[in-house]
Amino acid sequence: MNPILDIDDEKSLREFLTIMLENEGYEVVSADSGQKAVALIEKNVFDLVITDIRMRQSNGIDVLKVVKQVGPQTRVVMMTAYASAETAVEAMKIGAYDYISRPFKVDDLQIAEAQY
């Protein structure tokens, strides 16, 4: 099984997700920006990518596009505190597997994770 990529510029949330996923037995690689994530995606295979949509230097939609070009089979879960119908529709059209609004319940992510 390939690792999960956790992308968020908010350190506390990124660390929380990484710890939660590792406690479930998954190997997790994390990135604090879209640019770092893209570099990882171009060199590694991930089964699941969990990314924030709105980050300081980049956005999750751009990351999603790269993931779908490099590894179309990779599932991508988008997270955002700034949910909008337009963003959700755009993400799903590009190929996002799921879209979770923050704050989220841990069960929301566990359901998406269990399906992968």
PDB file of N, CA and C in Angstrom:
ATOM      1  N   MET A   1       0.840  -1.176   0.000  1.00  0.00           N
ATOM      2  CA  MET A   1       0.000   0.000   0.000  1.00  0.00           C
ATOM      3  C   MET A   1       0.889   1.245   0.000  1.00  0.00           C
ATOM      4  N   ASN A   2       0.530   2.220  -0.820  1.00  0.00           N
ATOM      5  CA  ASN A   2       1.267   3.474  -0.909  1.00  0.00           C
ATOM      6  C   ASN A   2       0.825   4.425   0.200  1.00  0.00           C
ATOM      7  N   PRO A   3       1.676   5.388   0.524  1.00  0.00           N
ATOM      8  CA  PRO A   3       1.327   6.311   1.616  1.00  0.00           C
ATOM      9  C   PRO A   3       0.206   7.284   1.249  1.00  0.00           C
ATOM     10  N   ILE A   4      -0.247   7.971   2.279  1.00  0.00           N
ATOM     11  CA  ILE A   4      -1.226   9.045   2.149  1.00  0.00           C
ATOM     12  C   ILE A   4      -0.456  10.352   2.206  1.00  0.00           C
ATOM     13  N   LEU A   5      -0.835  11.316   1.362  1.00  0.00           N
ATOM     14  CA  LEU A   5      -0.229  12.643   1.390  1.00  0.00           C
ATOM     15  C   LEU A   5      -1.199  13.605   2.044  1.00  0.00           C
ATOM     16  N   ASP A   6      -0.759  14.264   3.096  1.00  0.00           N
ATOM     17  CA  ASP A   6      -1.547  15.224   3.871  1.00  0.00           C
ATOM     18  C   ASP A   6      -0.980  16.619   3.602  1.00  0.00           C
ATOM     19  N   ILE A   7      -1.799  17.506   3.016  1.00  0.00           N
ATOM     20  CA  ILE A   7      -1.323  18.839   2.634  1.00  0.00           C
ATOM     21  C   ILE A   7      -2.163  19.899   3.326  1.00  0.00           C
ATOM     22  N   ASP A   8      -1.507  20.728   4.126  1.00  0.00           N
ATOM     23  CA  ASP A   8      -2.198  21.836   4.787  1.00  0.00           C
ATOM     24  C   ASP A   8      -1.152  22.822   5.269  1.00  0.00           C
ATOM     25  N   ASP A   9      -1.402  24.107   5.055  1.00  0.00           N
ATOM     26  CA  ASP A   9      -0.452  25.103   5.534  1.00  0.00           C
ATOM     27  C   ASP A   9      -0.668  25.429   7.010  1.00  0.00           C
ATOM     28  N   GLU A  10      -1.739  24.920   7.593  1.00  0.00           N
ATOM     29  CA  GLU A  10      -1.996  25.098   9.014  1.00  0.00           C
ATOM     30  C   GLU A  10      -1.361  23.929   9.768  1.00  0.00           C
ATOM     31  N   LYS A  11      -0.260  24.220  10.447  1.00  0.00           N
ATOM     32  CA  LYS A  11       0.558  23.182  11.077  1.00  0.00           C
ATOM     33  C   LYS A  11      -0.238  22.292  12.033  1.00  0.00           C
ATOM     34  N   SER A  12      -1.068  22.884  12.878  1.00  0.00           N
ATOM     35  CA  SER A  12      -1.774  22.087  13.880  1.00  0.00           C
ATOM     36  C   SER A  12      -2.731  21.084  13.238  1.00  0.00           C
ATOM     37  N   LEU A  13      -3.421  21.481  12.191  1.00  0.00           N
ATOM     38  CA  LEU A  13      -4.341  20.557  11.520  1.00  0.00           C
ATOM     39  C   LEU A  13      -3.568  19.482  10.769  1.00  0.00           C
ATOM     40  N   ARG A  14      -2.490  19.877  10.113  1.00  0.00           N
ATOM     41  CA  ARG A  14      -1.667  18.908   9.386  1.00  0.00           C
ATOM     42  C   ARG A  14      -1.120  17.849  10.349  1.00  0.00           C
ATOM     43  N   GLU A  15      -0.610  18.298  11.483  1.00  0.00           N
ATOM     44  CA  GLU A  15      -0.073  17.353  12.466  1.00  0.00           C
ATOM     45  C   GLU A  15      -1.176  16.466  13.046  1.00  0.00           C
ATOM     46  N   PHE A  16      -2.352  17.043  13.301  1.00  0.00           N
ATOM     47  CA  PHE A  16      -3.476  16.264  13.827  1.00  0.00           C
ATOM     48  C   PHE A  16      -3.856  15.148  12.858  1.00  0.00           C
ATOM     49  N   LEU A  17      -4.015  15.489  11.573  1.00  0.00           N
ATOM     50  CA  LEU A  17      -4.387  14.482  10.575  1.00  0.00           C
ATOM     51  C   LEU A  17      -3.319  13.410  10.438  1.00  0.00           C
ATOM     52  N   THR A  18      -2.069  13.830  10.431  1.00  0.00           N
ATOM     53  CA  THR A  18      -0.982  12.869  10.307  1.00  0.00           C
ATOM     54  C   THR A  18      -0.991  11.888  11.473  1.00  0.00           C
ATOM     55  N   ILE A  19      -1.126  12.404  12.683  1.00  0.00           N
ATOM     56  CA  ILE A  19      -1.158  11.536  13.868  1.00  0.00           C
ATOM     57  C   ILE A  19      -2.359  10.606  13.820  1.00  0.00           C
ATOM     58  N   MET A  20      -3.524  11.150  13.469  1.00  0.00           N
ATOM     59  CA  MET A  20      -4.734  10.333  13.404  1.00  0.00           C
ATOM     60  C   MET A  20      -4.576   9.197  12.400  1.00  0.00           C
ATOM     61  N   LEU A  21      -4.062   9.502  11.222  1.00  0.00           N
ATOM     62  CA  LEU A  21      -3.892   8.483  10.184  1.00  0.00           C
ATOM     63  C   LEU A  21      -2.814   7.465  10.552  1.00  0.00           C
ATOM     64  N   GLU A  22      -1.727   7.926  11.135  1.00  0.00           N
ATOM     65  CA  GLU A  22      -0.677   7.000  11.561  1.00  0.00           C
ATOM     66  C   GLU A  22      -1.194   6.065  12.661  1.00  0.00           C
ATOM     67  N   ASN A  23      -2.026   6.586  13.550  1.00  0.00           N
ATOM     68  CA  ASN A  23      -2.620   5.741  14.593  1.00  0.00           C
ATOM     69  C   ASN A  23      -3.537   4.669  14.006  1.00  0.00           C
ATOM     70  N   GLU A  24      -4.049   4.918  12.805  1.00  0.00           N
ATOM     71  CA  GLU A  24      -4.882   3.940  12.114  1.00  0.00           C
ATOM     72  C   GLU A  24      -4.037   2.956  11.304  1.00  0.00           C
ATOM     73  N   GLY A  25      -2.713   3.153  11.335  1.00  0.00           N
ATOM     74  CA  GLY A  25      -1.812   2.217  10.677  1.00  0.00           C
ATOM     75  C   GLY A  25      -1.341   2.640   9.294  1.00  0.00           C
ATOM     76  N   TYR A  26      -1.653   3.855   8.879  1.00  0.00           N
ATOM     77  CA  TYR A  26      -1.245   4.316   7.550  1.00  0.00           C
ATOM     78  C   TYR A  26       0.105   5.001   7.600  1.00  0.00           C
ATOM     79  N   GLU A  27       0.831   4.887   6.506  1.00  0.00           N
ATOM     80  CA  GLU A  27       2.059   5.667   6.329  1.00  0.00           C
ATOM     81  C   GLU A  27       1.624   7.020   5.775  1.00  0.00           C
ATOM     82  N   VAL A  28       2.126   8.093   6.367  1.00  0.00           N
ATOM     83  CA  VAL A  28       1.693   9.433   5.978  1.00  0.00           C
ATOM     84  C   VAL A  28       2.906  10.294   5.665  1.00  0.00           C
ATOM     85  N   VAL A  29       2.805  11.020   4.564  1.00  0.00           N
ATOM     86  CA  VAL A  29       3.783  12.034   4.189  1.00  0.00           C
ATOM     87  C   VAL A  29       3.023  13.351   4.239  1.00  0.00           C
ATOM     88  N   SER A  30       3.639  14.396   4.778  1.00  0.00           N
ATOM     89  CA  SER A  30       2.924  15.665   4.856  1.00  0.00           C
ATOM     90  C   SER A  30       3.696  16.768   4.143  1.00  0.00           C
ATOM     91  N   ALA A  31       2.937  17.769   3.719  1.00  0.00           N
ATOM     92  CA  ALA A  31       3.515  18.937   3.055  1.00  0.00           C
ATOM     93  C   ALA A  31       2.776  20.172   3.554  1.00  0.00           C
ATOM     94  N   ASP A  32       3.522  21.266   3.719  1.00  0.00           N
ATOM     95  CA  ASP A  32       2.903  22.483   4.230  1.00  0.00           C
ATOM     96  C   ASP A  32       2.554  23.496   3.135  1.00  0.00           C
ATOM     97  N   SER A  33       2.679  23.078   1.881  1.00  0.00           N
ATOM     98  CA  SER A  33       2.304  23.970   0.775  1.00  0.00           C
ATOM     99  C   SER A  33       1.988  23.149  -0.470  1.00  0.00           C
ATOM    100  N   GLY A  34       1.262  23.763  -1.362  1.00  0.00           N
ATOM    101  CA  GLY A  34       0.954  23.111  -2.629  1.00  0.00           C
ATOM    102  C   GLY A  34       2.201  22.841  -3.447  1.00  0.00           C
ATOM    103  N   GLN A  35       3.156  23.774  -3.410  1.00  0.00           N
ATOM    104  CA  GLN A  35       4.398  23.597  -4.168  1.00  0.00           C
ATOM    105  C   GLN A  35       5.166  22.374  -3.691  1.00  0.00           C
ATOM    106  N   LYS A  36       5.287  22.217  -2.378  1.00  0.00           N
ATOM    107  CA  LYS A  36       5.992  21.052  -1.840  1.00  0.00           C
ATOM    108  C   LYS A  36       5.229  19.776  -2.170  1.00  0.00           C
ATOM    109  N   ALA A  37       3.910  19.856  -2.112  1.00  0.00           N
ATOM    110  CA  ALA A  37       3.085  18.686  -2.431  1.00  0.00           C
ATOM    111  C   ALA A  37       3.271  18.264  -3.881  1.00  0.00           C
ATOM    112  N   VAL A  38       3.279  19.225  -4.788  1.00  0.00           N
ATOM    113  CA  VAL A  38       3.448  18.910  -6.207  1.00  0.00           C
ATOM    114  C   VAL A  38       4.792  18.213  -6.431  1.00  0.00           C
ATOM    115  N   ALA A  39       5.839  18.704  -5.789  1.00  0.00           N
ATOM    116  CA  ALA A  39       7.155  18.066  -5.928  1.00  0.00           C
ATOM    117  C   ALA A  39       7.101  16.623  -5.430  1.00  0.00           C
ATOM    118  N   LEU A  40       6.407  16.379  -4.324  1.00  0.00           N
ATOM    119  CA  LEU A  40       6.263  15.018  -3.808  1.00  0.00           C
ATOM    120  C   LEU A  40       5.441  14.146  -4.753  1.00  0.00           C
ATOM    121  N   ILE A  41       4.366  14.708  -5.286  1.00  0.00           N
ATOM    122  CA  ILE A  41       3.466  13.969  -6.187  1.00  0.00           C
ATOM    123  C   ILE A  41       4.188  13.553  -7.463  1.00  0.00           C
ATOM    124  N   GLU A  42       5.070  14.412  -7.948  1.00  0.00           N
ATOM    125  CA  GLU A  42       5.797  14.111  -9.181  1.00  0.00           C
ATOM    126  C   GLU A  42       6.853  13.031  -8.992  1.00  0.00           C
ATOM    127  N   LYS A  43       7.258  12.759  -7.732  1.00  0.00           N
ATOM    128  CA  LYS A  43       8.310  11.778  -7.474  1.00  0.00           C
ATOM    129  C   LYS A  43       7.820  10.519  -6.765  1.00  0.00           C
ATOM    130  N   ASN A  44       6.585  10.520  -6.264  1.00  0.00           N
ATOM    131  CA  ASN A  44       6.085   9.414  -5.458  1.00  0.00           C
ATOM    132  C   ASN A  44       4.675   9.026  -5.889  1.00  0.00           C
ATOM    133  N   VAL A  45       4.273   7.834  -5.484  1.00  0.00           N
ATOM    134  CA  VAL A  45       2.907   7.364  -5.738  1.00  0.00           C
ATOM    135  C   VAL A  45       2.167   7.382  -4.407  1.00  0.00           C
ATOM    136  N   PHE A  46       0.992   8.004  -4.399  1.00  0.00           N
ATOM    137  CA  PHE A  46       0.149   8.060  -3.208  1.00  0.00           C
ATOM    138  C   PHE A  46      -1.200   7.427  -3.532  1.00  0.00           C
ATOM    139  N   ASP A  47      -1.734   6.694  -2.575  1.00  0.00           N
ATOM    140  CA  ASP A  47      -3.071   6.127  -2.751  1.00  0.00           C
ATOM    141  C   ASP A  47      -4.147   7.163  -2.459  1.00  0.00           C
ATOM    142  N   LEU A  48      -3.844   8.084  -1.550  1.00  0.00           N
ATOM    143  CA  LEU A  48      -4.814   9.082  -1.130  1.00  0.00           C
ATOM    144  C   LEU A  48      -4.093  10.380  -0.862  1.00  0.00           C
ATOM    145  N   VAL A  49      -4.696  11.480  -1.319  1.00  0.00           N
ATOM    146  CA  VAL A  49      -4.191  12.815  -1.040  1.00  0.00           C
ATOM    147  C   VAL A  49      -5.309  13.562  -0.322  1.00  0.00           C
ATOM    148  N   ILE A  50      -4.973  14.140   0.819  1.00  0.00           N
ATOM    149  CA  ILE A  50      -5.916  14.968   1.566  1.00  0.00           C
ATOM    150  C   ILE A  50      -5.345  16.370   1.549  1.00  0.00           C
ATOM    151  N   THR A  51      -6.071  17.315   0.951  1.00  0.00           N
ATOM    152  CA  THR A  51      -5.522  18.651   0.807  1.00  0.00           C
ATOM    153  C   THR A  51      -6.517  19.739   1.184  1.00  0.00           C
ATOM    154  N   ASP A  52      -5.981  20.752   1.824  1.00  0.00           N
ATOM    155  CA  ASP A  52      -6.752  21.961   2.077  1.00  0.00           C
ATOM    156  C   ASP A  52      -6.933  22.653   0.723  1.00  0.00           C
ATOM    157  N   ILE A  53      -8.038  23.317   0.542  1.00  0.00           N
ATOM    158  CA  ILE A  53      -8.249  24.027  -0.723  1.00  0.00           C
ATOM    159  C   ILE A  53      -7.555  25.377  -0.708  1.00  0.00           C
ATOM    160  N   ARG A  54      -7.717  26.117   0.359  1.00  0.00           N
ATOM    161  CA  ARG A  54      -7.161  27.464   0.411  1.00  0.00           C
ATOM    162  C   ARG A  54      -5.915  27.477   1.286  1.00  0.00           C
ATOM    163  N   MET A  55      -4.768  27.709   0.643  1.00  0.00           N
ATOM    164  CA  MET A  55      -3.498  27.826   1.358  1.00  0.00           C
ATOM    165  C   MET A  55      -2.848  29.140   0.967  1.00  0.00           C
ATOM    166  N   ARG A  56      -1.896  29.576   1.751  1.00  0.00           N
ATOM    167  CA  ARG A  56      -1.292  30.900   1.531  1.00  0.00           C
ATOM    168  C   ARG A  56      -0.662  31.066   0.152  1.00  0.00           C
ATOM    169  N   GLN A  57       0.173  30.123  -0.256  1.00  0.00           N
ATOM    170  CA  GLN A  57       0.929  30.295  -1.489  1.00  0.00           C
ATOM    171  C   GLN A  57       0.366  29.537  -2.678  1.00  0.00           C
ATOM    172  N   SER A  58      -0.641  28.734  -2.444  1.00  0.00           N
ATOM    173  CA  SER A  58      -1.190  27.924  -3.527  1.00  0.00           C
ATOM    174  C   SER A  58      -2.587  27.488  -3.134  1.00  0.00           C
ATOM    175  N   ASN A  59      -3.197  26.675  -3.980  1.00  0.00           N
ATOM    176  CA  ASN A  59      -4.500  26.167  -3.588  1.00  0.00           C
ATOM    177  C   ASN A  59      -4.632  24.693  -3.943  1.00  0.00           C
ATOM    178  N   GLY A  60      -5.564  24.066  -3.262  1.00  0.00           N
ATOM    179  CA  GLY A  60      -5.766  22.641  -3.431  1.00  0.00           C
ATOM    180  C   GLY A  60      -6.289  22.254  -4.799  1.00  0.00           C
ATOM    181  N   ILE A  61      -6.979  23.159  -5.465  1.00  0.00           N
ATOM    182  CA  ILE A  61      -7.482  22.870  -6.812  1.00  0.00           C
ATOM    183  C   ILE A  61      -6.297  22.639  -7.753  1.00  0.00           C
ATOM    184  N   ASP A  62      -5.253  23.461  -7.623  1.00  0.00           N
ATOM    185  CA  ASP A  62      -4.059  23.264  -8.453  1.00  0.00           C
ATOM    186  C   ASP A  62      -3.391  21.931  -8.139  1.00  0.00           C
ATOM    187  N   VAL A  63      -3.339  21.574  -6.854  1.00  0.00           N
ATOM    188  CA  VAL A  63      -2.782  20.282  -6.454  1.00  0.00           C
ATOM    189  C   VAL A  63      -3.615  19.155  -7.051  1.00  0.00           C
ATOM    190  N   LEU A  64      -4.929  19.273  -6.971  1.00  0.00           N
ATOM    191  CA  LEU A  64      -5.834  18.263  -7.524  1.00  0.00           C
ATOM    192  C   LEU A  64      -5.566  18.051  -9.010  1.00  0.00           C
ATOM    193  N   LYS A  65      -5.388  19.128  -9.750  1.00  0.00           N
ATOM    194  CA  LYS A  65      -5.120  19.016 -11.191  1.00  0.00           C
ATOM    195  C   LYS A  65      -3.836  18.236 -11.456  1.00  0.00           C
ATOM    196  N   VAL A  66      -2.795  18.508 -10.680  1.00  0.00           N
ATOM    197  CA  VAL A  66      -1.524  17.794 -10.855  1.00  0.00           C
ATOM    198  C   VAL A  66      -1.699  16.318 -10.514  1.00  0.00           C
ATOM    199  N   VAL A  67      -2.386  16.039  -9.409  1.00  0.00           N
ATOM    200  CA  VAL A  67      -2.605  14.645  -9.020  1.00  0.00           C
ATOM    201  C   VAL A  67      -3.300  13.893 -10.145  1.00  0.00           C
ATOM    202  N   LYS A  68      -4.330  14.477 -10.714  1.00  0.00           N
ATOM    203  CA  LYS A  68      -5.104  13.790 -11.751  1.00  0.00           C
ATOM    204  C   LYS A  68      -4.310  13.624 -13.046  1.00  0.00           C
ATOM    205  N   GLN A  69      -3.320  14.484 -13.292  1.00  0.00           N
ATOM    206  CA  GLN A  69      -2.450  14.312 -14.457  1.00  0.00           C
ATOM    207  C   GLN A  69      -1.417  13.224 -14.218  1.00  0.00           C
ATOM    208  N   VAL A  70      -0.822  13.233 -13.035  1.00  0.00           N
ATOM    209  CA  VAL A  70       0.265  12.306 -12.718  1.00  0.00           C
ATOM    210  C   VAL A  70      -0.251  10.918 -12.365  1.00  0.00           C
ATOM    211  N   GLY A  71      -1.296  10.859 -11.561  1.00  0.00           N
ATOM    212  CA  GLY A  71      -1.829   9.574 -11.107  1.00  0.00           C
ATOM    213  C   GLY A  71      -3.343   9.613 -11.046  1.00  0.00           C
ATOM    214  N   PRO A  72      -4.005   9.454 -12.188  1.00  0.00           N
ATOM    215  CA  PRO A  72      -5.458   9.600 -12.235  1.00  0.00           C
ATOM    216  C   PRO A  72      -6.220   8.687 -11.276  1.00  0.00           C
ATOM    217  N   GLN A  73      -5.609   7.574 -10.872  1.00  0.00           N
ATOM    218  CA  GLN A  73      -6.274   6.642  -9.962  1.00  0.00           C
ATOM    219  C   GLN A  73      -6.211   7.107  -8.506  1.00  0.00           C
ATOM    220  N   THR A  74      -5.363   8.074  -8.194  1.00  0.00           N
ATOM    221  CA  THR A  74      -5.211   8.558  -6.822  1.00  0.00           C
ATOM    222  C   THR A  74      -6.465   9.296  -6.379  1.00  0.00           C
ATOM    223  N   ARG A  75      -6.975   8.919  -5.228  1.00  0.00           N
ATOM    224  CA  ARG A  75      -8.151   9.589  -4.676  1.00  0.00           C
ATOM    225  C   ARG A  75      -7.713  10.846  -3.937  1.00  0.00           C
ATOM    226  N   VAL A  76      -8.488  11.915  -4.121  1.00  0.00           N
ATOM    227  CA  VAL A  76      -8.169  13.191  -3.490  1.00  0.00           C
ATOM    228  C   VAL A  76      -9.368  13.655  -2.682  1.00  0.00           C
ATOM    229  N   VAL A  77      -9.128  13.927  -1.408  1.00  0.00           N
ATOM    230  CA  VAL A  77     -10.149  14.481  -0.531  1.00  0.00           C
ATOM    231  C   VAL A  77      -9.804  15.945  -0.305  1.00  0.00           C
ATOM    232  N   MET A  78     -10.736  16.816  -0.649  1.00  0.00           N
ATOM    233  CA  MET A  78     -10.554  18.256  -0.498  1.00  0.00           C
ATOM    234  C   MET A  78     -11.170  18.695   0.825  1.00  0.00           C
ATOM    235  N   MET A  79     -10.456  19.575   1.546  1.00  0.00           N
ATOM    236  CA  MET A  79     -10.991  20.122   2.791  1.00  0.00           C
ATOM    237  C   MET A  79     -10.933  21.638   2.724  1.00  0.00           C
ATOM    238  N   THR A  80     -11.936  22.288   3.318  1.00  0.00           N
ATOM    239  CA  THR A  80     -11.910  23.735   3.345  1.00  0.00           C
ATOM    240  C   THR A  80     -12.773  24.294   4.462  1.00  0.00           C
ATOM    241  N   ALA A  81     -12.345  25.422   4.968  1.00  0.00           N
ATOM    242  CA  ALA A  81     -13.153  26.173   5.933  1.00  0.00           C
ATOM    243  C   ALA A  81     -13.998  27.199   5.185  1.00  0.00           C
ATOM    244  N   TYR A  82     -13.779  27.319   3.887  1.00  0.00           N
ATOM    245  CA  TYR A  82     -14.470  28.303   3.060  1.00  0.00           C
ATOM    246  C   TYR A  82     -15.301  27.592   2.004  1.00  0.00           C
ATOM    247  N   ALA A  83     -16.166  26.724   2.454  1.00  0.00           N
ATOM    248  CA  ALA A  83     -16.964  25.906   1.532  1.00  0.00           C
ATOM    249  C   ALA A  83     -17.907  26.761   0.705  1.00  0.00           C
ATOM    250  N   SER A  84     -17.968  26.413  -0.566  1.00  0.00           N
ATOM    251  CA  SER A  84     -18.949  27.022  -1.456  1.00  0.00           C
ATOM    252  C   SER A  84     -19.369  25.974  -2.475  1.00  0.00           C
ATOM    253  N   ALA A  85     -20.567  26.113  -2.957  1.00  0.00           N
ATOM    254  CA  ALA A  85     -21.067  25.157  -3.947  1.00  0.00           C
ATOM    255  C   ALA A  85     -20.203  25.190  -5.202  1.00  0.00           C
ATOM    256  N   GLU A  86     -19.761  26.377  -5.596  1.00  0.00           N
ATOM    257  CA  GLU A  86     -18.957  26.507  -6.815  1.00  0.00           C
ATOM    258  C   GLU A  86     -17.635  25.749  -6.688  1.00  0.00           C
ATOM    259  N   THR A  87     -16.969  25.918  -5.548  1.00  0.00           N
ATOM    260  CA  THR A  87     -15.697  25.236  -5.343  1.00  0.00           C
ATOM    261  C   THR A  87     -15.890  23.726  -5.286  1.00  0.00           C
ATOM    262  N   ALA A  88     -16.938  23.295  -4.615  1.00  0.00           N
ATOM    263  CA  ALA A  88     -17.213  21.859  -4.520  1.00  0.00           C
ATOM    264  C   ALA A  88     -17.468  21.265  -5.896  1.00  0.00           C
ATOM    265  N   VAL A  89     -18.274  21.944  -6.698  1.00  0.00           N
ATOM    266  CA  VAL A  89     -18.576  21.450  -8.044  1.00  0.00           C
ATOM    267  C   VAL A  89     -17.312  21.423  -8.889  1.00  0.00           C
ATOM    268  N   GLU A  90     -16.513  22.482  -8.818  1.00  0.00           N
ATOM    269  CA  GLU A  90     -15.269  22.522  -9.595  1.00  0.00           C
ATOM    270  C   GLU A  90     -14.354  21.368  -9.200  1.00  0.00           C
ATOM    271  N   ALA A  91     -14.192  21.136  -7.890  1.00  0.00           N
ATOM    272  CA  ALA A  91     -13.324  20.062  -7.416  1.00  0.00           C
ATOM    273  C   ALA A  91     -13.821  18.700  -7.882  1.00  0.00           C
ATOM    274  N   MET A  92     -15.118  18.485  -7.816  1.00  0.00           N
ATOM    275  CA  MET A  92     -15.669  17.189  -8.223  1.00  0.00           C
ATOM    276  C   MET A  92     -15.538  16.985  -9.738  1.00  0.00           C
ATOM    277  N   LYS A  93     -15.707  18.037 -10.505  1.00  0.00           N
ATOM    278  CA  LYS A  93     -15.550  17.931 -11.960  1.00  0.00           C
ATOM    279  C   LYS A  93     -14.121  17.570 -12.345  1.00  0.00           C
ATOM    280  N   ILE A  94     -13.159  18.100 -11.608  1.00  0.00           N
ATOM    281  CA  ILE A  94     -11.760  17.811 -11.895  1.00  0.00           C
ATOM    282  C   ILE A  94     -11.402  16.390 -11.480  1.00  0.00           C
ATOM    283  N   GLY A  95     -12.131  15.856 -10.512  1.00  0.00           N
ATOM    284  CA  GLY A  95     -11.876  14.476 -10.121  1.00  0.00           C
ATOM    285  C   GLY A  95     -11.698  14.230  -8.638  1.00  0.00           C
ATOM    286  N   ALA A  96     -12.064  15.203  -7.795  1.00  0.00           N
ATOM    287  CA  ALA A  96     -11.962  14.988  -6.349  1.00  0.00           C
ATOM    288  C   ALA A  96     -12.862  13.833  -5.942  1.00  0.00           C
ATOM    289  N   TYR A  97     -12.388  13.049  -5.014  1.00  0.00           N
ATOM    290  CA  TYR A  97     -13.138  11.903  -4.507  1.00  0.00           C
ATOM    291  C   TYR A  97     -14.173  12.339  -3.476  1.00  0.00           C
ATOM    292  N   ASP A  98     -13.802  13.328  -2.646  1.00  0.00           N
ATOM    293  CA  ASP A  98     -14.704  13.813  -1.608  1.00  0.00           C
ATOM    294  C   ASP A  98     -14.354  15.254  -1.287  1.00  0.00           C
ATOM    295  N   TYR A  99     -15.280  15.931  -0.628  1.00  0.00           N
ATOM    296  CA  TYR A  99     -15.159  17.345  -0.288  1.00  0.00           C
ATOM    297  C   TYR A  99     -15.685  17.491   1.133  1.00  0.00           C
ATOM    298  N   ILE A 100     -14.820  17.895   2.060  1.00  0.00           N
ATOM    299  CA  ILE A 100     -15.199  17.984   3.473  1.00  0.00           C
ATOM    300  C   ILE A 100     -15.046  19.425   3.942  1.00  0.00           C
ATOM    301  N   SER A 101     -16.088  19.955   4.559  1.00  0.00           N
ATOM    302  CA  SER A 101     -16.037  21.307   5.126  1.00  0.00           C
ATOM    303  C   SER A 101     -15.419  21.257   6.512  1.00  0.00           C
ATOM    304  N   ARG A 102     -14.614  22.271   6.820  1.00  0.00           N
ATOM    305  CA  ARG A 102     -14.040  22.396   8.151  1.00  0.00           C
ATOM    306  C   ARG A 102     -14.814  23.457   8.909  1.00  0.00           C
ATOM    307  N   PRO A 103     -14.960  23.370  10.175  1.00  0.00           N
ATOM    308  CA  PRO A 103     -14.449  22.272  10.988  1.00  0.00           C
ATOM    309  C   PRO A 103     -15.213  20.999  10.664  1.00  0.00           C
ATOM    310  N   PHE A 104     -14.528  19.884  10.750  1.00  0.00           N
ATOM    311  CA  PHE A 104     -15.143  18.604  10.439  1.00  0.00           C
ATOM    312  C   PHE A 104     -15.092  17.711  11.656  1.00  0.00           C
ATOM    313  N   LYS A 105     -15.938  16.722  11.638  1.00  0.00           N
ATOM    314  CA  LYS A 105     -15.900  15.699  12.681  1.00  0.00           C
ATOM    315  C   LYS A 105     -14.906  14.643  12.221  1.00  0.00           C
ATOM    316  N   VAL A 106     -14.192  14.061  13.138  1.00  0.00           N
ATOM    317  CA  VAL A 106     -13.213  13.028  12.800  1.00  0.00           C
ATOM    318  C   VAL A 106     -13.898  11.916  12.022  1.00  0.00           C
ATOM    319  N   ASP A 107     -15.147  11.620  12.345  1.00  0.00           N
ATOM    320  CA  ASP A 107     -15.892  10.579  11.629  1.00  0.00           C
ATOM    321  C   ASP A 107     -16.034  10.899  10.145  1.00  0.00           C
ATOM    322  N   ASP A 108     -16.140  12.196   9.778  1.00  0.00           N
ATOM    323  CA  ASP A 108     -16.258  12.565   8.374  1.00  0.00           C
ATOM    324  C   ASP A 108     -15.045  12.097   7.587  1.00  0.00           C
ATOM    325  N   LEU A 109     -13.883  12.324   8.151  1.00  0.00           N
ATOM    326  CA  LEU A 109     -12.656  11.919   7.473  1.00  0.00           C
ATOM    327  C   LEU A 109     -12.486  10.416   7.522  1.00  0.00           C
ATOM    328  N   GLN A 110     -12.861   9.795   8.617  1.00  0.00           N
ATOM    329  CA  GLN A 110     -12.712   8.350   8.710  1.00  0.00           C
ATOM    330  C   GLN A 110     -13.601   7.642   7.701  1.00  0.00           C
ATOM    331  N   ILE A 111     -14.760   8.205   7.414  1.00  0.00           N
ATOM    332  CA  ILE A 111     -15.640   7.610   6.402  1.00  0.00           C
ATOM    333  C   ILE A 111     -14.969   7.697   5.030  1.00  0.00           C
ATOM    334  N   ALA A 112     -14.435   8.861   4.679  1.00  0.00           N
ATOM    335  CA  ALA A 112     -13.753   9.032   3.384  1.00  0.00           C
ATOM    336  C   ALA A 112     -12.528   8.126   3.315  1.00  0.00           C
ATOM    337  N   GLU A 113     -11.792   8.050   4.398  1.00  0.00           N
ATOM    338  CA  GLU A 113     -10.570   7.227   4.450  1.00  0.00           C
ATOM    339  C   GLU A 113     -10.925   5.748   4.323  1.00  0.00           C
ATOM    340  N   ALA A 114     -11.996   5.320   4.972  1.00  0.00           N
ATOM    341  CA  ALA A 114     -12.391   3.911   4.940  1.00  0.00           C
ATOM    342  C   ALA A 114     -12.783   3.474   3.540  1.00  0.00           C
ATOM    343  N   GLN A 115     -13.293   4.396   2.762  1.00  0.00           N
ATOM    344  CA  GLN A 115     -13.720   4.052   1.412  1.00  0.00           C
ATOM    345  C   GLN A 115     -12.547   3.914   0.463  1.00  0.00           C
ATOM    346  N   TYR A 116     -11.377   4.392   0.856  1.00  0.00           N
ATOM    347  CA  TYR A 116     -10.222   4.263  -0.041  1.00  0.00           C
ATOM    348  C   TYR A 116      -9.560   2.953   0.226  1.00  0.00           C
TER     349      TYR A 116
END
